[in-house]
């Protein structure tokens, strides 16, 4: 498989592939559409007023998108910044004082108050909100910034036409734009990994200082090592479910690892797989504790959680039997180490916070 995306510029082709990886979901969606026409997509527009020249699109509420497009809000001028968000989503202060109105996404380019915008920040154009923000940028000839929110495989959605990519690294920028000549790239770094690494500043994730005789008359017993935790990715579309299940079962049984399901592993098939794991003697970790609080060493196939754990100074690896070529390239690009070797090193962390760098680039384009 070549270096770069499978669908470098064709969003329609990417969507067809994505639907093909979830046939049950696609069939159910098509059936609902036949029985009841879909209502127009809606979002809330939080307006800063007539002087706003920036639009930030918040396409989803999960952590990766929040780090990519919500974190920069702290470094933007609220008086210049309008936000397009899921209906009911509450923004951080001081954006809560913005006027709010619910708009039809298909009518966004014609909404009063957007004519003065000069730049848009989003995580892509493959979601409803992201697509509406891109249509607005196209209609008003605005710079459309895409803030990278996750690690990239060849199956990632393509970038919009003439976008300005704010990439985690030069390698990611080259990967995502391979075969494209219409996209500008700036390296901003990863706020997700930068935030994870902040724990190292105060010693979080590091071994505790050994006890000495000055601390107490008796040396306390050494803490018992935590079992390896396997971060499940049964929801992933990039690799077949059968191979993912086999890989997880092999690693968990071979290394005594507990299996932590991904939050998306709630469908009927996922529940059946988890039950089969338990019958095979694998412990399922169901605490629901945030990944950032996980103290155990971890292993996964290609989860960004491996890099987050490494950034916090914890032991983390990847593992997969007979990995496809693209997966080996992915591990190499992000410096992920295979189980059985030394742990994945912490990603390099710049002094300048990536969210601030994103904000500077976006605000500068509108000035």
Foldseek 3Di string as FASTA:
>chain_A
DDQAAPCAADQVVLVVLVCVLVVVVNVVVVVVCVVPPDDFDKWKKFDLDQQAAEEEEQQDDDDLSCLQTQLLVVQADLNRYMYTYHPPDQHDPPSNPTDMDMDGLVCVLVDPRNLNYAEYEGQACNGSRNVSVVVNCVVNVHAYEHGHRFQDFSSDRHHHFLHEYAAQDPSVVCRSQPVHDRYHYDHLHGLLLQVLLVLVVVPFLHDDDADDCVVDVDGDDDDDADAEEEEQDCVDSPDHNVQSLVFVLCVCVVRVYAYEYDPVQPDPVSVVSVVVSVVVVHHHDDPPPDLSPDNHEYEYAQHCSLQSSQSSVGFYAYDGPPDDPRSVVSCVVQQGHHPPDGGRHHDDHDPDNSSNVVSVVRVVSSD
